[in-house]
Amino acid sequence: MPWKIRHNVTTYSQVDTICLMLKTARPEDIFRAHGGQLRMSEAIRHGLSRYTLYALKERGTIEQISRGVYRLADLPPIGNPDLVTVGLRFPQAVVCLVSALSWHGITTQIPHAVSVAVPRDARLPSLDYPPIHAHRFSDASFKAGIERHDVDGVPVRIYGAEKSIADCFKFRNRIGMDVVLEAFQLYRQRKKFDPGKLLKYAKVCRVENVMRPYLEAVS
């Protein structure tokens, strides 16, 4: 008579124990090998099951920083959790407008949502937290001026200061001309003033005629 095997695995901890027995690498080591933070899809791709993730969270080994995003609990506190979440959830999006100005230190505005750009034909990203303001950019405007920054160990795409100012001139009716002009003044005071680069991105964003008088006034 064939043996009957009774399945008594009913808790996440028991499932986790079996997973650990079947794998040569501990789940914690997989997280550490990827900077200590993983999206659920990435974790599954690297061999971790959903049950293992739930067990690690239940044990306090990892913490959930956003829907589907986990990090080791013993890592240093996150300095910029909003950008980290956006970088992990939407790695192809680019931080833009006032959020980019804030990153570069050329605004006194405190963003209440993360502004991101996506290509014109892309699906607009959305999050419960942090809130996101998504904008569709033309192909040329989307690709121009992207910088890659390490934010708490997570690569995040952010437009450079000059591109961000040109974008703000483009969206001046939405964010307010006072915010745009303040960013322009703070850029002159705190950054290496580069009128050639500003004009380059003004042309990409099709605001050359709008920006040129301000550039000529300070040249």
N, C-alpha and C. Protein backbone atom coordinates (compact mmCIF):
# COMPACT_ATOMS: atom_id res chain seq x y z
N MET A 1 0.84 -1.18 0.00
CA MET A 1 0.00 0.00 0.00
C MET A 1 0.88 1.24 0.00
N PRO A 2 0.62 2.22 -0.86
CA PRO A 2 1.48 3.39 -0.91
C PRO A 2 1.38 4.21 0.37
N TRP A 3 2.50 4.83 0.69
CA TRP A 3 2.52 5.70 1.88
C TRP A 3 1.64 6.93 1.64
N LYS A 4 0.96 7.32 2.68
CA LYS A 4 0.18 8.55 2.65
C LYS A 4 0.92 9.63 3.41
N ILE A 5 1.13 10.73 2.74
CA ILE A 5 1.85 11.82 3.37
C ILE A 5 0.85 12.88 3.82
N ARG A 6 0.90 13.20 5.09
CA ARG A 6 0.00 14.21 5.61
C ARG A 6 0.67 15.57 5.52
N HIS A 7 -0.04 16.54 5.00
CA HIS A 7 0.49 17.89 4.86
C HIS A 7 0.00 18.73 6.02
N ASN A 8 0.90 19.03 6.93
CA ASN A 8 0.52 19.78 8.12
C ASN A 8 1.14 21.19 8.14
N VAL A 9 1.63 21.64 6.99
CA VAL A 9 2.23 22.96 6.95
C VAL A 9 1.11 23.99 6.92
N THR A 10 0.94 24.69 8.02
CA THR A 10 -0.19 25.62 8.11
C THR A 10 0.23 27.05 8.44
N THR A 11 1.49 27.26 8.75
CA THR A 11 1.92 28.61 9.12
C THR A 11 3.00 29.08 8.18
N TYR A 12 3.13 30.40 8.09
CA TYR A 12 4.19 30.97 7.26
C TYR A 12 5.56 30.54 7.75
N SER A 13 5.72 30.41 9.09
CA SER A 13 7.02 30.04 9.63
C SER A 13 7.42 28.64 9.20
N GLN A 14 6.46 27.72 9.18
CA GLN A 14 6.76 26.36 8.75
C GLN A 14 7.13 26.33 7.27
N VAL A 15 6.38 27.08 6.47
CA VAL A 15 6.70 27.15 5.05
C VAL A 15 8.09 27.75 4.86
N ASP A 16 8.38 28.78 5.63
CA ASP A 16 9.68 29.44 5.53
C ASP A 16 10.80 28.47 5.88
N THR A 17 10.59 27.65 6.91
CA THR A 17 11.62 26.69 7.31
C THR A 17 11.91 25.70 6.19
N ILE A 18 10.87 25.21 5.53
CA ILE A 18 11.06 24.29 4.41
C ILE A 18 11.80 24.97 3.28
N CYS A 19 11.42 26.23 3.01
CA CYS A 19 12.09 26.97 1.93
C CYS A 19 13.57 27.12 2.23
N LEU A 20 13.89 27.40 3.48
CA LEU A 20 15.29 27.56 3.85
C LEU A 20 16.07 26.26 3.69
N MET A 21 15.41 25.14 4.00
CA MET A 21 16.06 23.84 3.86
C MET A 21 16.33 23.52 2.40
N LEU A 22 15.46 24.00 1.51
CA LEU A 22 15.59 23.67 0.09
C LEU A 22 16.55 24.60 -0.64
N LYS A 23 16.93 25.68 -0.02
CA LYS A 23 17.77 26.66 -0.71
C LYS A 23 19.13 26.71 -0.04
N THR A 24 20.16 26.96 -0.82
CA THR A 24 21.50 27.10 -0.27
C THR A 24 21.74 28.51 0.25
N ALA A 25 21.07 29.50 -0.31
CA ALA A 25 21.24 30.88 0.12
C ALA A 25 20.08 31.29 1.02
N ARG A 26 20.40 31.92 2.13
CA ARG A 26 19.35 32.41 3.01
C ARG A 26 18.62 33.57 2.34
N PRO A 27 17.34 33.73 2.62
CA PRO A 27 16.62 34.86 2.05
C PRO A 27 17.28 36.20 2.36
N GLU A 28 17.78 36.35 3.60
CA GLU A 28 18.45 37.59 3.98
C GLU A 28 19.65 37.87 3.08
N ASP A 29 20.38 36.79 2.72
CA ASP A 29 21.56 36.98 1.86
C ASP A 29 21.15 37.42 0.47
N ILE A 30 20.01 36.93 -0.01
CA ILE A 30 19.52 37.35 -1.33
C ILE A 30 19.18 38.83 -1.30
N PHE A 31 18.54 39.27 -0.21
CA PHE A 31 18.25 40.70 -0.08
C PHE A 31 19.54 41.52 -0.06
N ARG A 32 20.51 41.07 0.75
CA ARG A 32 21.75 41.85 0.88
C ARG A 32 22.51 41.91 -0.44
N ALA A 33 22.42 40.85 -1.22
CA ALA A 33 23.12 40.83 -2.51
C ALA A 33 22.53 41.84 -3.48
N HIS A 34 21.32 42.34 -3.18
CA HIS A 34 20.67 43.30 -4.07
C HIS A 34 20.36 44.60 -3.34
N GLY A 35 21.28 44.97 -2.45
CA GLY A 35 21.18 46.26 -1.78
C GLY A 35 20.23 46.30 -0.60
N GLY A 36 19.70 45.15 -0.22
CA GLY A 36 18.83 45.10 0.96
C GLY A 36 17.38 45.41 0.68
N GLN A 37 17.04 45.72 -0.59
CA GLN A 37 15.68 46.09 -0.94
C GLN A 37 15.27 45.40 -2.22
N LEU A 38 14.05 44.87 -2.24
CA LEU A 38 13.57 44.16 -3.42
C LEU A 38 12.08 44.39 -3.60
N ARG A 39 11.67 44.46 -4.87
CA ARG A 39 10.25 44.37 -5.17
C ARG A 39 9.85 42.90 -5.10
N MET A 40 8.59 42.63 -4.86
CA MET A 40 8.14 41.24 -4.75
C MET A 40 8.47 40.47 -6.03
N SER A 41 8.26 41.09 -7.19
CA SER A 41 8.54 40.41 -8.45
C SER A 41 10.02 40.05 -8.57
N GLU A 42 10.88 40.94 -8.08
CA GLU A 42 12.33 40.65 -8.11
C GLU A 42 12.66 39.52 -7.15
N ALA A 43 12.07 39.56 -5.95
CA ALA A 43 12.33 38.52 -4.96
C ALA A 43 11.92 37.15 -5.49
N ILE A 44 10.75 37.07 -6.13
CA ILE A 44 10.28 35.80 -6.70
C ILE A 44 11.23 35.34 -7.80
N ARG A 45 11.69 36.29 -8.61
CA ARG A 45 12.63 35.95 -9.69
C ARG A 45 13.93 35.39 -9.14
N HIS A 46 14.32 35.82 -7.94
CA HIS A 46 15.55 35.33 -7.33
C HIS A 46 15.32 34.10 -6.45
N GLY A 47 14.12 33.52 -6.52
CA GLY A 47 13.89 32.25 -5.84
C GLY A 47 13.14 32.32 -4.53
N LEU A 48 12.69 33.49 -4.12
CA LEU A 48 11.93 33.60 -2.87
C LEU A 48 10.44 33.51 -3.18
N SER A 49 9.73 32.73 -2.40
CA SER A 49 8.29 32.61 -2.61
C SER A 49 7.56 33.71 -1.84
N ARG A 50 6.30 33.91 -2.17
CA ARG A 50 5.47 34.86 -1.43
C ARG A 50 5.40 34.47 0.04
N TYR A 51 5.29 33.15 0.30
CA TYR A 51 5.20 32.68 1.68
C TYR A 51 6.46 33.01 2.46
N THR A 52 7.61 32.90 1.81
CA THR A 52 8.87 33.23 2.47
C THR A 52 8.91 34.72 2.82
N LEU A 53 8.47 35.55 1.90
CA LEU A 53 8.43 36.99 2.17
C LEU A 53 7.49 37.30 3.34
N TYR A 54 6.31 36.67 3.34
CA TYR A 54 5.37 36.92 4.43
C TYR A 54 5.95 36.45 5.77
N ALA A 55 6.68 35.33 5.73
CA ALA A 55 7.29 34.82 6.96
C ALA A 55 8.39 35.75 7.45
N LEU A 56 9.20 36.25 6.53
CA LEU A 56 10.27 37.18 6.92
C LEU A 56 9.68 38.46 7.51
N LYS A 57 8.58 38.92 6.94
CA LYS A 57 7.92 40.11 7.47
C LYS A 57 7.33 39.82 8.85
N GLU A 58 6.71 38.64 9.00
CA GLU A 58 6.12 38.25 10.28
C GLU A 58 7.17 38.15 11.37
N ARG A 59 8.37 37.72 10.98
CA ARG A 59 9.48 37.55 11.91
C ARG A 59 10.17 38.87 12.23
N GLY A 60 9.90 39.90 11.44
CA GLY A 60 10.56 41.18 11.65
C GLY A 60 11.89 41.30 10.94
N THR A 61 12.19 40.34 10.05
CA THR A 61 13.46 40.38 9.32
C THR A 61 13.42 41.43 8.21
N ILE A 62 12.26 41.55 7.56
CA ILE A 62 12.10 42.57 6.53
C ILE A 62 10.89 43.44 6.88
N GLU A 63 10.82 44.61 6.27
CA GLU A 63 9.68 45.49 6.45
C GLU A 63 9.15 45.91 5.10
N GLN A 64 7.88 46.17 5.02
CA GLN A 64 7.25 46.61 3.78
C GLN A 64 7.23 48.13 3.77
N ILE A 65 7.89 48.72 2.77
CA ILE A 65 7.96 50.18 2.70
C ILE A 65 6.93 50.75 1.74
N SER A 66 6.35 49.89 0.91
CA SER A 66 5.27 50.27 0.02
C SER A 66 4.65 48.98 -0.49
N ARG A 67 3.55 49.09 -1.20
CA ARG A 67 2.91 47.89 -1.71
C ARG A 67 3.87 47.14 -2.64
N GLY A 68 4.20 45.90 -2.26
CA GLY A 68 5.07 45.07 -3.09
C GLY A 68 6.54 45.41 -3.02
N VAL A 69 6.95 46.24 -2.04
CA VAL A 69 8.36 46.62 -1.89
C VAL A 69 8.81 46.32 -0.47
N TYR A 70 9.91 45.57 -0.35
CA TYR A 70 10.39 45.13 0.96
C TYR A 70 11.87 45.48 1.12
N ARG A 71 12.28 45.69 2.38
CA ARG A 71 13.69 45.95 2.67
C ARG A 71 14.04 45.30 4.00
N LEU A 72 15.32 45.00 4.19
CA LEU A 72 15.77 44.42 5.44
C LEU A 72 15.54 45.41 6.57
N ALA A 73 15.04 44.91 7.69
CA ALA A 73 14.69 45.79 8.81
C ALA A 73 15.91 46.35 9.51
N ASP A 74 17.07 45.69 9.37
CA ASP A 74 18.26 46.16 10.07
C ASP A 74 19.08 47.17 9.27
N LEU A 75 18.58 47.59 8.11
CA LEU A 75 19.27 48.62 7.34
C LEU A 75 19.10 49.98 8.03
N PRO A 76 20.01 50.92 7.77
CA PRO A 76 19.85 52.27 8.34
C PRO A 76 18.53 52.88 7.89
N PRO A 77 17.97 53.79 8.67
CA PRO A 77 16.69 54.43 8.28
C PRO A 77 16.81 55.08 6.91
N ILE A 78 15.71 55.04 6.17
CA ILE A 78 15.69 55.63 4.83
C ILE A 78 15.62 57.15 4.95
N GLY A 79 16.52 57.83 4.25
CA GLY A 79 16.54 59.29 4.29
C GLY A 79 15.48 59.92 3.41
N ASN A 80 15.17 59.26 2.29
CA ASN A 80 14.19 59.80 1.35
C ASN A 80 13.26 58.68 0.90
N PRO A 81 12.34 58.26 1.77
CA PRO A 81 11.51 57.09 1.46
C PRO A 81 10.64 57.26 0.22
N ASP A 82 10.20 58.49 -0.06
CA ASP A 82 9.33 58.69 -1.23
C ASP A 82 10.07 58.38 -2.52
N LEU A 83 11.29 58.90 -2.67
CA LEU A 83 12.04 58.64 -3.89
C LEU A 83 12.48 57.19 -3.96
N VAL A 84 12.80 56.59 -2.83
CA VAL A 84 13.17 55.17 -2.81
C VAL A 84 12.00 54.32 -3.33
N THR A 85 10.81 54.60 -2.84
CA THR A 85 9.63 53.85 -3.27
C THR A 85 9.39 54.00 -4.77
N VAL A 86 9.48 55.25 -5.25
CA VAL A 86 9.27 55.50 -6.68
C VAL A 86 10.34 54.79 -7.50
N GLY A 87 11.61 54.85 -7.04
CA GLY A 87 12.69 54.20 -7.77
C GLY A 87 12.51 52.69 -7.85
N LEU A 88 11.98 52.09 -6.80
CA LEU A 88 11.77 50.64 -6.79
C LEU A 88 10.53 50.23 -7.57
N ARG A 89 9.46 50.98 -7.42
CA ARG A 89 8.20 50.60 -8.07
C ARG A 89 8.17 50.97 -9.55
N PHE A 90 8.78 52.11 -9.88
CA PHE A 90 8.73 52.60 -11.27
C PHE A 90 10.12 53.01 -11.73
N PRO A 91 11.00 52.04 -11.93
CA PRO A 91 12.41 52.35 -12.24
C PRO A 91 12.61 53.08 -13.56
N GLN A 92 11.64 53.04 -14.48
CA GLN A 92 11.79 53.72 -15.76
C GLN A 92 11.25 55.14 -15.74
N ALA A 93 10.51 55.51 -14.71
CA ALA A 93 10.01 56.88 -14.61
C ALA A 93 11.16 57.80 -14.20
N VAL A 94 10.97 59.10 -14.44
CA VAL A 94 12.00 60.09 -14.12
C VAL A 94 11.40 61.16 -13.22
N VAL A 95 12.04 61.40 -12.09
CA VAL A 95 11.57 62.45 -11.17
C VAL A 95 11.74 63.80 -11.86
N CYS A 96 10.70 64.63 -11.81
CA CYS A 96 10.72 65.87 -12.58
C CYS A 96 10.09 67.03 -11.81
N LEU A 97 10.07 68.19 -12.47
CA LEU A 97 9.40 69.40 -12.00
C LEU A 97 9.79 69.74 -10.55
N VAL A 98 8.83 70.06 -9.69
CA VAL A 98 9.17 70.55 -8.35
C VAL A 98 9.91 69.49 -7.54
N SER A 99 9.60 68.22 -7.75
CA SER A 99 10.32 67.16 -7.03
C SER A 99 11.79 67.14 -7.42
N ALA A 100 12.09 67.37 -8.69
CA ALA A 100 13.48 67.45 -9.14
C ALA A 100 14.15 68.71 -8.61
N LEU A 101 13.42 69.83 -8.62
CA LEU A 101 13.97 71.07 -8.06
C LEU A 101 14.35 70.87 -6.60
N SER A 102 13.49 70.19 -5.85
CA SER A 102 13.75 69.93 -4.44
C SER A 102 15.00 69.08 -4.27
N TRP A 103 15.15 68.06 -5.09
CA TRP A 103 16.35 67.21 -5.03
C TRP A 103 17.61 68.04 -5.25
N HIS A 104 17.57 68.97 -6.17
CA HIS A 104 18.74 69.78 -6.50
C HIS A 104 18.91 70.99 -5.56
N GLY A 105 17.97 71.18 -4.65
CA GLY A 105 18.07 72.27 -3.70
C GLY A 105 17.86 73.64 -4.29
N ILE A 106 17.00 73.75 -5.30
CA ILE A 106 16.77 75.04 -5.95
C ILE A 106 15.29 75.43 -5.90
N THR A 107 14.65 75.12 -4.79
CA THR A 107 13.29 75.56 -4.54
C THR A 107 13.06 75.58 -3.04
N THR A 108 12.16 76.44 -2.60
CA THR A 108 11.74 76.43 -1.20
C THR A 108 10.42 75.68 -1.05
N GLN A 109 9.89 75.20 -2.16
CA GLN A 109 8.64 74.44 -2.13
C GLN A 109 8.88 73.06 -1.51
N ILE A 110 7.90 72.59 -0.76
CA ILE A 110 7.95 71.23 -0.21
C ILE A 110 6.96 70.38 -1.00
N PRO A 111 7.45 69.47 -1.83
CA PRO A 111 6.52 68.68 -2.65
C PRO A 111 5.60 67.82 -1.79
N HIS A 112 4.32 67.87 -2.09
CA HIS A 112 3.35 67.03 -1.37
C HIS A 112 3.04 65.75 -2.14
N ALA A 113 3.66 65.62 -3.30
CA ALA A 113 3.56 64.41 -4.12
C ALA A 113 4.85 64.34 -4.94
N VAL A 114 5.19 63.16 -5.40
CA VAL A 114 6.38 62.99 -6.24
C VAL A 114 5.96 63.17 -7.69
N SER A 115 6.55 64.15 -8.36
CA SER A 115 6.27 64.38 -9.78
C SER A 115 7.21 63.51 -10.61
N VAL A 116 6.65 62.74 -11.52
CA VAL A 116 7.45 61.89 -12.38
C VAL A 116 7.01 62.04 -13.83
N ALA A 117 7.96 61.83 -14.73
CA ALA A 117 7.68 61.86 -16.16
C ALA A 117 7.75 60.46 -16.73
N VAL A 118 6.88 60.20 -17.70
CA VAL A 118 6.89 58.94 -18.44
C VAL A 118 6.74 59.28 -19.92
N PRO A 119 7.10 58.36 -20.81
CA PRO A 119 6.90 58.62 -22.24
C PRO A 119 5.42 58.82 -22.57
N ARG A 120 5.17 59.48 -23.67
CA ARG A 120 3.81 59.86 -24.04
C ARG A 120 2.87 58.66 -24.16
N ASP A 121 3.37 57.52 -24.63
CA ASP A 121 2.51 56.36 -24.83
C ASP A 121 2.53 55.39 -23.66
N ALA A 122 3.16 55.78 -22.55
CA ALA A 122 3.27 54.88 -21.40
C ALA A 122 2.06 54.99 -20.49
N ARG A 123 1.85 53.95 -19.71
CA ARG A 123 0.79 53.97 -18.71
C ARG A 123 1.22 54.86 -17.55
N LEU A 124 0.30 55.68 -17.06
CA LEU A 124 0.64 56.58 -15.96
C LEU A 124 0.76 55.80 -14.65
N PRO A 125 1.89 55.94 -13.96
CA PRO A 125 2.04 55.23 -12.68
C PRO A 125 1.16 55.83 -11.61
N SER A 126 0.78 55.00 -10.65
CA SER A 126 -0.07 55.46 -9.56
C SER A 126 0.28 54.71 -8.28
N LEU A 127 0.26 55.43 -7.16
CA LEU A 127 0.53 54.84 -5.86
C LEU A 127 -0.41 55.44 -4.83
N ASP A 128 -0.79 54.65 -3.84
CA ASP A 128 -1.53 55.20 -2.71
C ASP A 128 -0.61 56.07 -1.87
N TYR A 129 0.60 55.57 -1.64
CA TYR A 129 1.59 56.35 -0.90
C TYR A 129 2.99 55.95 -1.34
N PRO A 130 3.85 56.92 -1.62
CA PRO A 130 3.56 58.35 -1.65
C PRO A 130 2.67 58.70 -2.85
N PRO A 131 1.89 59.77 -2.75
CA PRO A 131 1.09 60.18 -3.91
C PRO A 131 2.01 60.61 -5.06
N ILE A 132 1.55 60.36 -6.27
CA ILE A 132 2.36 60.66 -7.46
C ILE A 132 1.59 61.56 -8.40
N HIS A 133 2.29 62.55 -8.94
CA HIS A 133 1.77 63.34 -10.05
C HIS A 133 2.55 62.93 -11.29
N ALA A 134 1.92 62.22 -12.19
CA ALA A 134 2.58 61.70 -13.38
C ALA A 134 2.28 62.58 -14.58
N HIS A 135 3.31 62.79 -15.41
CA HIS A 135 3.18 63.64 -16.58
C HIS A 135 3.73 62.90 -17.79
N ARG A 136 3.05 62.98 -18.90
CA ARG A 136 3.53 62.39 -20.14
C ARG A 136 4.37 63.42 -20.90
N PHE A 137 5.61 63.04 -21.22
CA PHE A 137 6.52 63.90 -21.97
C PHE A 137 6.68 63.35 -23.38
N SER A 138 6.98 64.25 -24.31
CA SER A 138 7.31 63.81 -25.67
C SER A 138 8.58 62.97 -25.61
N ASP A 139 8.83 62.21 -26.65
CA ASP A 139 9.99 61.30 -26.65
C ASP A 139 11.29 62.06 -26.44
N ALA A 140 11.48 63.16 -27.16
CA ALA A 140 12.73 63.93 -27.04
C ALA A 140 12.87 64.54 -25.66
N SER A 141 11.78 65.09 -25.14
CA SER A 141 11.83 65.72 -23.83
C SER A 141 12.02 64.69 -22.72
N PHE A 142 11.41 63.52 -22.88
CA PHE A 142 11.56 62.49 -21.85
C PHE A 142 13.00 62.00 -21.74
N LYS A 143 13.66 61.83 -22.85
CA LYS A 143 15.00 61.23 -22.85
C LYS A 143 16.11 62.22 -22.50
N ALA A 144 15.84 63.51 -22.61
CA ALA A 144 16.89 64.52 -22.43
C ALA A 144 17.14 64.84 -20.95
N GLY A 145 18.42 64.92 -20.60
CA GLY A 145 18.80 65.43 -19.28
C GLY A 145 18.60 64.51 -18.11
N ILE A 146 18.50 63.20 -18.34
CA ILE A 146 18.30 62.26 -17.23
C ILE A 146 19.61 62.01 -16.50
N GLU A 147 19.56 62.12 -15.18
CA GLU A 147 20.69 61.76 -14.32
C GLU A 147 20.28 60.56 -13.47
N ARG A 148 21.26 59.75 -13.10
CA ARG A 148 20.99 58.59 -12.26
C ARG A 148 21.66 58.79 -10.91
N HIS A 149 20.85 58.81 -9.85
CA HIS A 149 21.34 59.06 -8.51
C HIS A 149 21.10 57.86 -7.60
N ASP A 150 22.01 57.66 -6.68
CA ASP A 150 21.86 56.61 -5.67
C ASP A 150 21.15 57.22 -4.48
N VAL A 151 19.93 56.77 -4.22
CA VAL A 151 19.14 57.29 -3.10
C VAL A 151 18.93 56.16 -2.10
N ASP A 152 19.64 56.20 -1.01
CA ASP A 152 19.55 55.15 0.01
C ASP A 152 19.78 53.77 -0.60
N GLY A 153 20.74 53.69 -1.53
CA GLY A 153 21.08 52.41 -2.14
C GLY A 153 20.21 52.02 -3.31
N VAL A 154 19.26 52.86 -3.68
CA VAL A 154 18.35 52.57 -4.79
C VAL A 154 18.64 53.52 -5.95
N PRO A 155 18.85 53.02 -7.17
CA PRO A 155 19.05 53.92 -8.31
C PRO A 155 17.75 54.62 -8.69
N VAL A 156 17.80 55.94 -8.76
CA VAL A 156 16.61 56.74 -9.10
C VAL A 156 16.98 57.69 -10.23
N ARG A 157 16.13 57.74 -11.23
CA ARG A 157 16.34 58.63 -12.38
C ARG A 157 15.71 59.99 -12.09
N ILE A 158 16.52 61.04 -12.19
CA ILE A 158 16.08 62.39 -11.88
C ILE A 158 16.62 63.32 -12.96
N TYR A 159 15.79 64.24 -13.44
CA TYR A 159 16.29 65.20 -14.41
C TYR A 159 17.29 66.15 -13.75
N GLY A 160 18.32 66.52 -14.53
CA GLY A 160 19.31 67.46 -14.04
C GLY A 160 18.70 68.83 -13.79
N ALA A 161 19.46 69.69 -13.12
CA ALA A 161 18.93 71.00 -12.73
C ALA A 161 18.50 71.83 -13.93
N GLU A 162 19.33 71.87 -14.97
CA GLU A 162 19.00 72.69 -16.13
C GLU A 162 17.76 72.17 -16.86
N LYS A 163 17.67 70.86 -17.03
CA LYS A 163 16.49 70.28 -17.68
C LYS A 163 15.24 70.52 -16.83
N SER A 164 15.39 70.44 -15.51
CA SER A 164 14.25 70.65 -14.63
C SER A 164 13.72 72.07 -14.74
N ILE A 165 14.62 73.05 -14.85
CA ILE A 165 14.18 74.44 -15.00
C ILE A 165 13.43 74.62 -16.33
N ALA A 166 13.97 74.03 -17.40
CA ALA A 166 13.28 74.12 -18.69
C ALA A 166 11.90 73.46 -18.61
N ASP A 167 11.82 72.31 -17.95
CA ASP A 167 10.52 71.64 -17.78
C ASP A 167 9.55 72.53 -17.01
N CYS A 168 10.05 73.22 -15.98
CA CYS A 168 9.18 74.07 -15.18
C CYS A 168 8.67 75.26 -16.00
N PHE A 169 9.52 75.81 -16.86
CA PHE A 169 9.03 76.85 -17.77
C PHE A 169 7.93 76.29 -18.67
N LYS A 170 8.11 75.05 -19.10
CA LYS A 170 7.10 74.41 -19.96
C LYS A 170 5.77 74.26 -19.21
N PHE A 171 5.85 73.91 -17.93
CA PHE A 171 4.65 73.66 -17.13
C PHE A 171 4.34 74.85 -16.21
N ARG A 172 4.77 76.04 -16.60
CA ARG A 172 4.65 77.22 -15.74
C ARG A 172 3.21 77.52 -15.36
N ASN A 173 2.26 77.23 -16.24
CA ASN A 173 0.86 77.53 -15.92
C ASN A 173 0.29 76.57 -14.87
N ARG A 174 0.94 75.42 -14.72
CA ARG A 174 0.47 74.45 -13.72
C ARG A 174 1.12 74.68 -12.36
N ILE A 175 2.43 74.98 -12.37
CA ILE A 175 3.14 75.07 -11.09
C ILE A 175 3.29 76.50 -10.61
N GLY A 176 3.05 77.47 -11.48
CA GLY A 176 3.13 78.87 -11.08
C GLY A 176 4.45 79.51 -11.50
N MET A 177 4.35 80.67 -12.12
CA MET A 177 5.55 81.36 -12.59
C MET A 177 6.44 81.80 -11.44
N ASP A 178 5.86 82.06 -10.28
CA ASP A 178 6.67 82.45 -9.12
C ASP A 178 7.61 81.32 -8.71
N VAL A 179 7.13 80.07 -8.79
CA VAL A 179 7.97 78.91 -8.46
C VAL A 179 9.09 78.77 -9.48
N VAL A 180 8.76 79.00 -10.75
CA VAL A 180 9.75 78.87 -11.82
C VAL A 180 10.86 79.91 -11.66
N LEU A 181 10.48 81.16 -11.43
CA LEU A 181 11.48 82.23 -11.32
C LEU A 181 12.33 82.08 -10.07
N GLU A 182 11.71 81.59 -8.98
CA GLU A 182 12.50 81.34 -7.77
C GLU A 182 13.56 80.26 -8.05
N ALA A 183 13.16 79.19 -8.76
CA ALA A 183 14.11 78.12 -9.09
C ALA A 183 15.23 78.66 -9.97
N PHE A 184 14.90 79.52 -10.91
CA PHE A 184 15.90 80.12 -11.79
C PHE A 184 16.90 80.94 -10.97
N GLN A 185 16.43 81.73 -10.01
CA GLN A 185 17.30 82.54 -9.18
C GLN A 185 18.17 81.67 -8.27
N LEU A 186 17.57 80.67 -7.65
CA LEU A 186 18.35 79.79 -6.76
C LEU A 186 19.37 78.98 -7.55
N TYR A 187 19.02 78.61 -8.77
CA TYR A 187 19.98 77.91 -9.63
C TYR A 187 21.20 78.78 -9.87
N ARG A 188 20.99 80.06 -10.17
CA ARG A 188 22.10 80.99 -10.41
C ARG A 188 22.96 81.15 -9.16
N GLN A 189 22.33 81.12 -7.98
CA GLN A 189 23.06 81.34 -6.74
C GLN A 189 23.81 80.09 -6.26
N ARG A 190 23.22 78.92 -6.47
CA ARG A 190 23.74 77.71 -5.84
C ARG A 190 24.44 76.74 -6.79
N LYS A 191 24.23 76.91 -8.09
CA LYS A 191 24.81 75.99 -9.07
C LYS A 191 25.75 76.76 -9.99
N LYS A 192 26.51 76.03 -10.76
CA LYS A 192 27.33 76.65 -11.79
C LYS A 192 26.41 77.06 -12.94
N PHE A 193 26.28 78.36 -13.12
CA PHE A 193 25.34 78.88 -14.11
C PHE A 193 25.82 78.52 -15.51
N ASP A 194 24.99 77.80 -16.27
CA ASP A 194 25.35 77.32 -17.60
C ASP A 194 24.25 77.71 -18.58
N PRO A 195 24.31 78.94 -19.12
CA PRO A 195 23.25 79.39 -20.04
C PRO A 195 23.16 78.54 -21.30
N GLY A 196 24.29 78.00 -21.75
CA GLY A 196 24.25 77.14 -22.94
C GLY A 196 23.44 75.89 -22.72
N LYS A 197 23.61 75.28 -21.55
CA LYS A 197 22.85 74.06 -21.25
C LYS A 197 21.37 74.39 -21.03
N LEU A 198 21.10 75.51 -20.39
CA LEU A 198 19.71 75.92 -20.20
C LEU A 198 19.02 76.14 -21.55
N LEU A 199 19.73 76.80 -22.46
CA LEU A 199 19.16 77.06 -23.77
C LEU A 199 18.96 75.76 -24.57
N LYS A 200 19.89 74.83 -24.39
CA LYS A 200 19.77 73.53 -25.06
C LYS A 200 18.48 72.83 -24.66
N TYR A 201 18.20 72.80 -23.36
CA TYR A 201 16.99 72.13 -22.91
C TYR A 201 15.74 72.96 -23.18
N ALA A 202 15.90 74.29 -23.24
CA ALA A 202 14.78 75.13 -23.62
C ALA A 202 14.30 74.79 -25.03
N LYS A 203 15.25 74.50 -25.91
CA LYS A 203 14.89 74.13 -27.29
C LYS A 203 14.21 72.77 -27.30
N VAL A 204 14.72 71.82 -26.51
CA VAL A 204 14.11 70.49 -26.44
C VAL A 204 12.67 70.59 -25.95
N CYS A 205 12.45 71.46 -24.96
CA CYS A 205 11.11 71.60 -24.37
C CYS A 205 10.24 72.62 -25.10
N ARG A 206 10.80 73.21 -26.15
CA ARG A 206 10.07 74.18 -26.97
C ARG A 206 9.63 75.40 -26.16
N VAL A 207 10.51 75.87 -25.30
CA VAL A 207 10.24 77.10 -24.54
C VAL A 207 11.40 78.09 -24.72
N GLU A 208 12.11 77.99 -25.85
CA GLU A 208 13.24 78.86 -26.08
C GLU A 208 12.82 80.33 -26.05
N ASN A 209 11.74 80.67 -26.71
CA ASN A 209 11.29 82.07 -26.76
C ASN A 209 10.88 82.58 -25.39
N VAL A 210 10.39 81.70 -24.55
CA VAL A 210 9.97 82.09 -23.20
C VAL A 210 11.19 82.31 -22.31
N MET A 211 12.18 81.42 -22.40
CA MET A 211 13.33 81.48 -21.50
C MET A 211 14.41 82.47 -21.94
N ARG A 212 14.52 82.72 -23.24
CA ARG A 212 15.63 83.55 -23.73
C ARG A 212 15.70 84.93 -23.06
N PRO A 213 14.58 85.66 -22.88
CA PRO A 213 14.70 86.96 -22.23
C PRO A 213 15.29 86.89 -20.83
N TYR A 214 14.98 85.84 -20.08
CA TYR A 214 15.53 85.70 -18.74
C TYR A 214 17.02 85.38 -18.79
N LEU A 215 17.43 84.59 -19.77
CA LEU A 215 18.84 84.26 -19.93
C LEU A 215 19.63 85.49 -20.36
N GLU A 216 19.08 86.27 -21.28
CA GLU A 216 19.77 87.46 -21.74
C GLU A 216 19.87 88.53 -20.65
N ALA A 217 18.91 88.56 -19.77
CA ALA A 217 18.90 89.57 -18.70
C ALA A 217 20.01 89.34 -17.68
N VAL A 218 20.49 88.10 -17.58
CA VAL A 218 21.53 87.82 -16.59
C VAL A 218 22.87 87.47 -17.21
N SER A 219 22.95 87.50 -18.53
CA SER A 219 24.20 87.15 -19.21
C SER A 219 25.14 88.35 -19.26
